[in-house]
Amino acid sequence: MPKPLFNPVVRQFKFPTIAQIQEVAETFQASQSATLIRLAKVDALPVIVACYSLEKRLWNCAAPHVPRRWLLKSKLDSDSFSHECLTRGTPALVPRKQSADAWFENDDAEKYELLEQCVPGMPGKVLVTLYLSDGEMFDADYDRDVAFRSKKRT
């Protein structure tokens, strides 16, 4: 998925739906996961992609311009659409508004909203796409307490 071919395709969507991501994946003969990871790595949109089981976060990838201050929770929040997808089999196929505190450890996360969408992955896993649609999330100060809490956990 070379940048000169991939970027124009994904930039035509403001916040791509699962169907649009799947269409791009088929065009480039890639998996949905690989397409989402590429979407994050080419830095075309303010996106974080991740894969969770009910027990833990398995992996994540953020666009380089997404501030590193935003620390994803290690477990799915029961208020997230992704938790509902895993427990009830209800995917969120289009980006839906969600409070950022359902996803981030940051003390100030409740002040912000993002867009969440998700689909079942391999059995017992959910593939999550988070769009940081609230521009103020990019201007927020670094949260030292989050970094400290993160280091204490490991």
Protein backbone atom coordinates (compact mmCIF):
# COMPACT_ATOMS: atom_id res chain seq x y z
CA MET A 1 0.00 0.00 0.00
CA PRO A 2 2.39 2.72 -1.19
CA LYS A 3 1.69 6.25 0.08
CA PRO A 4 1.26 7.82 -3.38
CA LEU A 5 -1.57 5.38 -4.12
CA PHE A 6 -2.98 4.89 -0.63
CA ASN A 7 -3.11 8.48 0.67
CA PRO A 8 -5.37 9.96 -2.03
CA VAL A 9 -7.82 7.10 -1.57
CA VAL A 10 -8.15 7.47 2.22
CA ARG A 11 -8.06 11.28 2.20
CA GLN A 12 -11.27 11.35 0.20
CA PHE A 13 -13.04 10.10 3.35
CA LYS A 14 -13.27 12.38 6.39
CA PHE A 15 -13.68 9.50 8.86
CA PRO A 16 -13.85 6.25 6.87
CA THR A 17 -16.55 3.74 7.77
CA ILE A 18 -15.84 0.05 8.10
CA ALA A 19 -17.34 -0.49 4.62
CA GLN A 20 -15.00 2.13 3.14
CA ILE A 21 -11.99 0.62 4.91
CA GLN A 22 -12.99 -2.82 3.61
CA GLU A 23 -13.26 -1.41 0.08
CA VAL A 24 -9.76 0.06 0.36
CA ALA A 25 -8.48 -3.25 1.77
CA GLU A 26 -9.93 -5.13 -1.20
CA THR A 27 -8.47 -2.62 -3.66
CA PHE A 28 -5.00 -3.16 -2.22
CA GLN A 29 -5.57 -6.87 -1.57
CA ALA A 30 -4.85 -6.47 2.13
CA SER A 31 -6.62 -7.37 5.36
CA GLN A 32 -8.78 -4.87 7.19
CA SER A 33 -6.30 -4.84 10.08
CA ALA A 34 -3.35 -4.15 7.76
CA THR A 35 -5.31 -1.39 6.03
CA LEU A 36 -6.16 0.29 9.35
CA ILE A 37 -2.56 0.05 10.56
CA ARG A 38 -1.42 1.58 7.28
CA LEU A 39 -4.04 4.32 7.68
CA ALA A 40 -2.50 5.17 11.05
CA LYS A 41 1.12 4.95 9.90
CA VAL A 42 0.74 7.16 6.82
CA ASP A 43 -0.60 9.88 9.13
CA ALA A 44 -3.47 10.85 6.84
CA LEU A 45 -6.07 11.10 9.63
CA PRO A 46 -6.09 11.57 13.44
CA VAL A 47 -6.61 7.89 14.14
CA ILE A 48 -5.69 5.22 16.66
CA VAL A 49 -6.37 1.59 15.79
CA ALA A 50 -6.28 -1.21 18.32
CA CYS A 51 -7.24 -4.80 18.95
CA TYR A 52 -8.72 -5.90 22.27
CA SER A 53 -9.94 -9.06 23.91
CA LEU A 54 -12.18 -8.82 26.97
CA GLU A 55 -9.10 -9.29 29.14
CA LYS A 56 -6.63 -6.82 27.62
CA ARG A 57 -5.40 -4.62 24.80
CA LEU A 58 -3.51 -6.83 22.37
CA TRP A 59 -1.97 -4.14 20.17
CA ASN A 60 -2.44 -0.56 19.04
CA CYS A 61 -1.07 1.86 16.47
CA ALA A 62 -1.56 5.63 16.42
CA ALA A 63 -1.00 8.16 13.66
CA PRO A 64 2.32 9.92 14.31
CA HIS A 65 0.64 13.32 14.78
CA VAL A 66 -1.67 12.02 17.53
CA PRO A 67 -0.25 13.38 20.80
CA ARG A 68 1.45 10.69 22.87
CA ARG A 69 -0.21 12.12 25.98
CA TRP A 70 -3.29 10.03 25.16
CA LEU A 71 -2.68 6.69 26.86
CA LEU A 72 -5.13 3.96 25.86
CA LYS A 73 -6.67 1.91 28.64
CA SER A 74 -5.25 -1.58 28.96
CA LYS A 75 -8.75 -3.12 29.19
CA LEU A 76 -11.99 -2.39 27.36
CA ASP A 77 -14.31 -0.04 29.19
CA SER A 78 -17.82 -1.47 29.59
CA ASP A 79 -19.21 1.83 28.22
CA SER A 80 -17.43 1.44 24.87
CA PHE A 81 -19.13 0.23 21.73
CA SER A 82 -16.26 -2.23 21.37
CA HIS A 83 -17.16 -3.91 24.66
CA GLU A 84 -20.72 -4.25 23.39
CA CYS A 85 -19.38 -5.71 20.13
CA LEU A 86 -17.46 -8.40 22.03
CA THR A 87 -20.17 -9.22 24.55
CA ARG A 88 -23.27 -8.88 22.38
CA GLY A 89 -21.92 -9.20 18.85
CA THR A 90 -23.09 -5.69 17.93
CA PRO A 91 -20.50 -3.95 15.73
CA ALA A 92 -20.37 -0.16 15.28
CA LEU A 93 -19.89 -0.03 11.52
CA VAL A 94 -19.84 3.76 11.28
CA PRO A 95 -17.93 6.16 13.52
CA ARG A 96 -20.07 6.97 16.59
CA LYS A 97 -19.52 9.65 19.23
CA GLN A 98 -18.00 8.38 22.43
CA SER A 99 -16.61 10.08 25.51
CA ALA A 100 -12.82 9.94 25.46
CA ASP A 101 -12.79 8.71 29.06
CA ALA A 102 -14.07 5.34 27.81
CA TRP A 103 -10.72 4.95 26.05
CA PHE A 104 -8.01 6.94 27.78
CA GLU A 105 -6.39 6.82 31.22
CA ASN A 106 -6.00 10.60 31.29
CA ASP A 107 -7.72 12.39 34.18
CA ASP A 108 -9.09 15.04 31.82
CA ALA A 109 -10.42 12.61 29.19
CA GLU A 110 -14.05 13.20 30.20
CA LYS A 111 -13.75 16.71 28.70
CA TYR A 112 -13.38 15.32 25.18
CA GLU A 113 -15.25 13.25 22.63
CA LEU A 114 -13.95 11.05 19.87
CA LEU A 115 -15.44 8.81 17.21
CA GLU A 116 -15.35 5.05 17.76
CA GLN A 117 -16.11 2.22 15.39
CA CYS A 118 -15.47 -1.49 15.76
CA VAL A 119 -15.91 -4.90 14.20
CA PRO A 120 -15.31 -8.39 15.49
CA GLY A 121 -11.83 -9.64 14.71
CA MET A 122 -10.67 -13.18 15.21
CA PRO A 123 -12.80 -15.07 17.76
CA GLY A 124 -12.85 -13.24 21.09
CA LYS A 125 -11.25 -10.08 19.67
CA VAL A 126 -12.48 -6.72 18.45
CA LEU A 127 -10.80 -4.39 15.97
CA VAL A 128 -11.24 -0.77 17.05
CA THR A 129 -10.81 2.49 15.17
CA LEU A 130 -10.76 5.73 17.17
CA TYR A 131 -10.82 9.09 15.40
CA LEU A 132 -9.70 12.05 17.49
CA SER A 133 -12.36 14.35 16.07
CA ASP A 134 -12.10 16.91 18.89
CA GLY A 135 -9.34 19.31 17.85
CA GLU A 136 -8.86 20.40 21.45
CA MET A 137 -7.38 16.97 22.20
CA PHE A 138 -4.33 18.07 20.20
CA ASP A 139 -3.84 21.23 22.25
CA ALA A 140 -4.24 19.69 25.72
CA ASP A 141 -1.25 19.88 28.05
CA TYR A 142 0.89 16.83 28.73
CA ASP A 143 -0.53 14.82 31.63
CA ARG A 144 2.41 13.72 33.82
CA ASP A 145 0.19 11.71 36.13
CA VAL A 146 -0.79 9.39 33.25
CA ALA A 147 2.84 8.69 32.42
CA PHE A 148 3.54 7.99 36.10
CA ARG A 149 0.52 5.64 36.41
CA SER A 150 1.57 3.84 33.25
CA LYS A 151 5.12 3.22 34.50
CA LYS A 152 3.83 2.00 37.87
CA ARG A 153 1.67 -0.64 36.16
CA THR A 154 4.53 -2.25 34.23
